[in-house]
N, C-alpha and C. Protein backbone atom coordinates (compact mmCIF):
# COMPACT_ATOMS: atom_id res chain seq x y z
N UNK A 1 93.96 98.32 94.26
CA UNK A 1 94.29 98.08 95.90
C UNK A 1 94.83 99.27 96.36
N UNK A 2 93.71 99.83 97.88
CA UNK A 2 93.84 101.14 98.34
C UNK A 2 95.28 101.04 99.53
N UNK A 3 96.11 101.62 99.53
CA UNK A 3 97.09 101.81 100.98
C UNK A 3 96.67 102.11 102.12
N UNK A 4 96.76 101.39 103.01
CA UNK A 4 96.46 101.59 104.59
C UNK A 4 97.75 102.46 105.13
N UNK A 5 97.63 103.87 104.92
CA UNK A 5 98.83 104.51 104.91
C UNK A 5 99.02 104.46 106.73
N UNK A 6 98.07 104.39 107.71
CA UNK A 6 98.21 104.24 109.00
C UNK A 6 99.02 102.78 109.52
N UNK A 7 98.40 101.56 108.96
CA UNK A 7 99.08 100.67 109.04
C UNK A 7 100.79 100.61 108.72
N UNK A 8 100.95 101.47 107.50
CA UNK A 8 102.31 101.50 106.68
C UNK A 8 103.03 102.13 107.49
N UNK A 9 102.37 103.16 108.28
CA UNK A 9 103.65 104.03 108.93
C UNK A 9 103.80 103.15 110.53
N UNK A 10 102.82 102.48 110.99
CA UNK A 10 102.89 101.74 112.17
C UNK A 10 104.02 100.58 111.78
N UNK A 11 104.34 100.15 110.86
CA UNK A 11 105.36 99.05 109.95
C UNK A 11 106.56 100.30 110.34
N UNK A 12 106.78 100.90 109.83
CA UNK A 12 107.69 101.84 109.50
C UNK A 12 108.04 102.08 110.71
N UNK A 13 107.23 102.45 111.82
CA UNK A 13 107.38 102.83 113.44
C UNK A 13 108.06 101.29 113.80
N UNK A 14 107.79 100.65 113.82
CA UNK A 14 108.46 99.12 114.26
C UNK A 14 109.30 98.49 113.82
N UNK A 15 109.62 98.75 112.57
CA UNK A 15 110.97 98.65 112.07
C UNK A 15 111.83 99.24 112.07
N UNK A 16 111.87 100.64 112.13
CA UNK A 16 112.69 101.78 112.88
C UNK A 16 113.23 101.41 114.50
N UNK A 17 112.04 101.01 115.40
CA UNK A 17 112.65 100.67 116.64
C UNK A 17 113.08 99.24 116.54
N UNK A 18 112.65 98.67 116.10
CA UNK A 18 113.87 97.45 115.85
C UNK A 18 114.88 97.59 115.62
N UNK A 19 115.38 98.60 114.69
CA UNK A 19 116.66 98.92 113.82
C UNK A 19 117.33 99.70 115.44
N UNK A 20 116.58 99.94 116.45
CA UNK A 20 116.97 101.22 117.41
C UNK A 20 117.19 102.60 117.27
N UNK A 21 116.59 102.91 115.97
CA UNK A 21 116.70 104.21 115.72
C UNK A 21 115.77 105.35 116.36
N UNK A 22 116.23 106.45 116.37
CA UNK A 22 115.54 107.13 117.01
C UNK A 22 114.91 108.04 115.19
N UNK A 23 113.83 108.77 115.69
CA UNK A 23 113.25 109.14 114.69
C UNK A 23 114.18 110.56 113.70
N UNK A 24 115.18 111.01 114.73
CA UNK A 24 116.15 111.80 114.10
C UNK A 24 117.37 110.95 113.43
N UNK A 25 117.66 109.93 113.90
CA UNK A 25 118.71 109.45 113.43
C UNK A 25 118.29 108.79 112.04
N UNK A 26 117.20 108.33 111.85
CA UNK A 26 116.03 107.31 110.92
C UNK A 26 116.20 108.57 109.68
N UNK A 27 115.54 109.56 110.34
CA UNK A 27 115.49 110.87 109.38
C UNK A 27 116.99 111.49 108.47
N UNK A 28 117.64 111.51 109.39
CA UNK A 28 119.07 111.65 108.79
C UNK A 28 119.92 110.75 107.67
N UNK A 29 119.57 109.39 108.15
CA UNK A 29 119.87 108.28 107.25
C UNK A 29 119.21 108.57 105.85
N UNK A 30 118.02 108.89 105.71
CA UNK A 30 117.27 108.99 104.55
C UNK A 30 117.11 110.36 103.83
N UNK A 31 117.46 111.09 104.61
CA UNK A 31 117.89 112.85 104.01
C UNK A 31 116.36 113.23 104.13
N UNK A 32 115.78 113.19 105.00
CA UNK A 32 114.40 113.48 105.32
C UNK A 32 114.04 114.00 106.56
N UNK A 33 113.10 115.22 106.77
CA UNK A 33 113.28 116.26 108.08
C UNK A 33 112.58 114.92 108.87
N UNK A 34 113.16 115.02 110.36
CA UNK A 34 112.65 114.16 111.42
C UNK A 34 111.26 114.54 111.69
N UNK A 35 110.66 115.38 111.71
CA UNK A 35 109.12 115.76 111.44
C UNK A 35 108.31 115.07 110.66
N UNK A 36 108.89 114.97 109.62
CA UNK A 36 108.39 114.04 108.27
C UNK A 36 108.03 112.79 108.74
N UNK A 37 109.22 112.03 109.51
CA UNK A 37 108.94 110.49 109.79
C UNK A 37 107.90 110.77 110.81
N UNK A 38 107.55 111.43 111.94
CA UNK A 38 106.41 111.17 112.67
C UNK A 38 104.91 111.00 111.92
N UNK A 39 105.04 112.15 111.14
CA UNK A 39 103.78 112.36 110.15
C UNK A 39 103.59 111.11 109.44
N UNK A 40 104.63 110.64 108.76
CA UNK A 40 104.66 109.22 108.18
C UNK A 40 104.35 108.15 108.97
N UNK A 41 104.65 108.30 109.83
CA UNK A 41 104.76 107.03 111.13
C UNK A 41 103.02 106.90 111.78
N UNK A 42 102.72 108.09 111.64
CA UNK A 42 100.96 108.46 112.18
C UNK A 42 100.15 108.19 111.04
N UNK A 43 100.74 107.93 109.31
CA UNK A 43 99.73 107.80 108.63
C UNK A 43 99.15 109.33 108.26
N UNK A 44 99.93 110.43 108.49
CA UNK A 44 99.15 111.91 108.38
C UNK A 44 99.87 112.39 106.77
N UNK A 45 101.28 111.49 106.58
CA UNK A 45 102.09 112.13 105.55
C UNK A 45 102.32 110.87 104.39
N UNK A 46 102.01 110.78 103.19
CA UNK A 46 102.52 109.42 102.27
C UNK A 46 103.67 109.80 101.92
N UNK A 47 104.50 108.99 102.05
CA UNK A 47 106.12 108.81 101.43
C UNK A 47 105.93 108.76 100.34
N UNK A 48 106.98 109.21 99.44
CA UNK A 48 107.04 109.23 97.72
C UNK A 48 107.49 107.70 97.65
N UNK A 49 107.55 107.49 96.70
CA UNK A 49 108.35 105.96 96.14
C UNK A 49 109.90 106.08 96.61
N UNK A 50 110.28 107.05 96.06
CA UNK A 50 112.01 107.32 96.42
C UNK A 50 112.02 107.29 98.09
N UNK A 51 111.32 107.71 98.78
CA UNK A 51 111.71 107.50 100.30
C UNK A 51 111.20 106.28 100.90
N UNK A 52 110.21 105.94 100.00
CA UNK A 52 110.02 104.07 100.54
C UNK A 52 111.14 103.18 100.04
N UNK A 53 111.72 103.73 99.13
CA UNK A 53 113.06 102.97 98.68
C UNK A 53 113.87 103.13 99.88
N UNK A 54 114.16 104.20 100.28
CA UNK A 54 115.20 104.53 101.20
C UNK A 54 114.86 103.93 102.51
N UNK A 55 113.78 104.04 103.02
CA UNK A 55 113.25 103.65 104.28
C UNK A 55 113.31 102.05 104.32
N UNK A 56 113.01 101.33 103.53
CA UNK A 56 113.21 100.22 102.90
C UNK A 56 114.35 99.54 103.24
N UNK A 57 115.60 100.11 102.28
CA UNK A 57 117.09 99.82 102.54
C UNK A 57 117.26 100.24 103.52
N UNK A 58 117.27 101.55 104.62
CA UNK A 58 117.82 101.63 105.55
C UNK A 58 117.15 100.76 106.84
N UNK A 59 115.97 100.03 106.76
CA UNK A 59 115.59 99.52 107.74
C UNK A 59 115.66 97.72 107.60
N UNK A 60 116.33 97.95 106.27
CA UNK A 60 116.85 96.27 105.71
C UNK A 60 115.79 95.56 105.96
N UNK A 61 114.47 96.17 104.87
CA UNK A 61 113.37 94.89 104.39
C UNK A 61 112.90 96.00 103.27
N UNK A 62 111.73 95.08 102.84
CA UNK A 62 111.43 95.45 101.49
C UNK A 62 110.21 96.64 101.62
N UNK A 63 109.83 97.15 100.21
CA UNK A 63 108.68 98.32 100.07
C UNK A 63 107.53 97.32 100.17
N UNK A 64 107.45 96.28 99.99
CA UNK A 64 106.51 95.24 99.93
C UNK A 64 105.55 95.05 101.25
N UNK A 65 106.89 95.00 102.10
CA UNK A 65 106.44 94.92 103.24
C UNK A 65 106.03 95.92 104.19
N UNK A 66 106.76 97.23 103.62
CA UNK A 66 106.35 98.69 104.62
C UNK A 66 104.93 98.85 103.75
N UNK A 67 104.51 98.56 102.76
CA UNK A 67 103.35 98.63 102.47
C UNK A 67 102.42 98.17 102.37
N UNK A 68 102.55 96.27 102.20
CA UNK A 68 101.11 95.64 102.96
C UNK A 68 101.67 94.78 103.62
N UNK A 69 102.68 94.91 104.36
CA UNK A 69 102.85 93.73 105.69
C UNK A 69 103.46 92.15 104.94
N UNK A 70 103.44 92.24 103.92
CA UNK A 70 103.82 90.96 103.26
C UNK A 70 105.64 91.11 102.77
N UNK A 71 106.40 89.98 103.14
CA UNK A 71 107.52 90.08 102.97
C UNK A 71 108.20 88.56 103.63
N UNK A 72 108.37 88.26 102.30
CA UNK A 72 108.77 86.62 102.10
C UNK A 72 110.31 86.09 102.47
N UNK A 73 110.81 85.12 102.94
CA UNK A 73 112.07 85.08 103.02
C UNK A 73 113.03 84.82 101.92
N UNK A 74 112.21 84.75 100.67
CA UNK A 74 113.00 84.90 99.40
C UNK A 74 112.89 86.13 98.94
N UNK A 75 112.27 86.86 99.49
CA UNK A 75 112.63 88.71 99.01
C UNK A 75 113.53 89.16 99.94
N UNK A 76 113.52 88.74 101.05
CA UNK A 76 114.78 88.94 102.04
C UNK A 76 116.03 88.35 101.34
N UNK A 77 116.10 87.28 101.17
CA UNK A 77 117.78 86.84 100.27
C UNK A 77 117.68 87.63 99.32
N UNK A 78 116.89 87.96 98.44
CA UNK A 78 117.22 88.47 97.18
C UNK A 78 117.67 90.00 97.51
N UNK A 79 117.13 90.62 98.40
CA UNK A 79 117.57 92.05 99.11
C UNK A 79 118.89 91.70 99.72
N UNK A 80 119.15 91.14 100.16
CA UNK A 80 120.54 90.59 100.87
C UNK A 80 121.62 90.42 99.48
N UNK A 81 121.10 89.76 98.89
CA UNK A 81 122.20 89.65 97.05
C UNK A 81 122.25 90.80 96.75
N UNK A 82 121.31 91.10 96.38
CA UNK A 82 121.37 92.46 95.77
C UNK A 82 121.93 93.69 96.30
N UNK A 83 122.31 94.07 97.60
CA UNK A 83 122.61 94.81 98.22
C UNK A 83 124.28 94.58 98.20
N UNK A 84 124.51 93.13 98.38
CA UNK A 84 126.16 92.89 98.43
C UNK A 84 126.38 93.09 96.69
N UNK A 85 125.80 92.52 95.76
CA UNK A 85 126.31 92.93 94.39
C UNK A 85 126.27 94.38 94.20
N UNK A 86 125.49 95.04 94.75
CA UNK A 86 125.22 96.97 94.53
C UNK A 86 126.30 97.63 95.20
N UNK A 87 127.11 96.86 96.22
CA UNK A 87 128.34 97.46 96.31
C UNK A 87 129.62 97.34 95.66
N UNK A 88 129.43 96.09 95.27
CA UNK A 88 130.77 96.07 94.24
C UNK A 88 130.53 96.63 93.15
N UNK A 89 129.17 96.89 92.56
CA UNK A 89 128.89 97.63 91.22
C UNK A 89 129.31 99.11 91.65
N UNK A 90 129.10 99.28 92.46
CA UNK A 90 129.16 100.94 92.82
C UNK A 90 130.81 101.27 92.39
N UNK A 91 131.64 100.43 92.47
CA UNK A 91 133.35 100.77 92.21
C UNK A 91 133.29 100.38 90.47
N UNK A 92 132.63 99.83 89.77
CA UNK A 92 132.39 99.60 88.13
C UNK A 92 132.46 100.79 87.69
N UNK A 93 133.39 101.06 86.78
CA UNK A 93 133.32 102.18 85.61
C UNK A 93 131.93 101.69 84.46
N UNK A 94 131.36 102.64 83.74
CA UNK A 94 130.57 102.07 83.03
C UNK A 94 130.58 101.35 82.26
N UNK A 95 131.51 101.18 81.40
CA UNK A 95 131.72 99.84 80.54
C UNK A 95 131.85 98.34 81.56
N UNK A 96 132.46 98.28 82.79
CA UNK A 96 132.45 97.22 83.56
C UNK A 96 130.90 97.18 83.96
N UNK A 97 130.20 98.16 84.19
CA UNK A 97 129.09 97.60 84.20
C UNK A 97 128.14 97.25 83.51
N UNK A 98 128.07 97.52 82.07
CA UNK A 98 127.56 97.24 80.86
C UNK A 98 127.96 95.66 80.84
N UNK A 99 128.75 95.44 80.92
CA UNK A 99 129.89 94.02 80.67
C UNK A 99 128.94 92.87 82.33
N UNK A 100 129.23 93.48 83.15
CA UNK A 100 128.47 92.59 84.22
C UNK A 100 127.15 92.48 83.82
N UNK A 101 126.31 93.43 83.47
CA UNK A 101 124.81 93.49 83.33
C UNK A 101 124.43 92.73 81.92
N UNK A 102 125.37 92.17 80.91
CA UNK A 102 125.67 91.31 79.83
C UNK A 102 125.64 89.77 80.45
N UNK A 103 126.49 89.94 81.61
CA UNK A 103 126.86 88.29 82.03
C UNK A 103 125.67 88.05 82.80
N UNK A 104 124.93 89.03 83.76
CA UNK A 104 123.70 88.52 84.49
C UNK A 104 122.60 88.20 83.23
N UNK A 105 122.33 89.30 82.83
CA UNK A 105 121.18 88.77 82.05
C UNK A 105 121.61 87.39 81.48
N UNK A 106 122.48 87.09 80.45
CA UNK A 106 122.49 85.77 80.03
C UNK A 106 122.70 84.91 80.99
N UNK A 107 123.11 84.78 82.19
CA UNK A 107 122.75 83.51 82.98
C UNK A 107 121.67 83.50 83.75
N UNK A 108 120.60 84.75 83.79
CA UNK A 108 119.40 84.34 83.80
C UNK A 108 118.87 83.74 82.95
N UNK A 109 119.26 84.10 81.67
CA UNK A 109 118.69 83.50 80.44
C UNK A 109 118.63 81.82 80.59
N UNK A 110 120.07 81.47 81.33
CA UNK A 110 120.28 80.18 81.51
C UNK A 110 120.01 79.28 82.72
N UNK A 111 118.96 79.90 83.77
CA UNK A 111 119.18 79.65 84.89
C UNK A 111 118.29 78.51 84.84
N UNK A 112 117.56 77.74 84.18
CA UNK A 112 116.85 76.78 84.33
C UNK A 112 118.15 75.39 84.00
N UNK A 113 118.94 75.80 83.09
CA UNK A 113 120.07 74.59 82.71
C UNK A 113 121.03 74.57 83.82
N UNK A 114 120.98 76.01 84.88
CA UNK A 114 122.16 76.00 85.93
C UNK A 114 121.38 75.23 86.98
N UNK A 115 120.18 75.26 87.00
CA UNK A 115 119.59 74.38 87.94
C UNK A 115 119.53 72.67 88.11
N UNK A 116 119.79 72.48 86.70
CA UNK A 116 120.16 71.16 86.40
C UNK A 116 121.64 70.65 86.91
N UNK A 117 122.66 71.81 86.37
CA UNK A 117 123.94 71.29 86.81
C UNK A 117 124.43 71.22 87.73
N UNK A 118 123.78 71.61 88.64
CA UNK A 118 124.08 71.09 90.53
C UNK A 118 123.42 69.69 90.42
């Protein structure tokens, strides 16, 4: 699959403008030079995966949407939950993170049973 970088740049620009962010504000949020934002939005520069992740996070969307315009409601819901969980996990010790990780993995293994529980 070829990535249409010009279309990706247009989606980034639309999302940035929808968030009412200038290129300078957006660049500062994701630790990138503001002139790089313009080049990315015009499709002249290809962002790294890390930069795409930062952009998607800052713009409250998914990398899928930025790259190919596909953004399902389920993806948005998952992102919302992950951000809520992530903010709580940021305050955990490594031992607590391991414990929470084990609990989540067990819950995911049992998710079919959890659906029948309701």
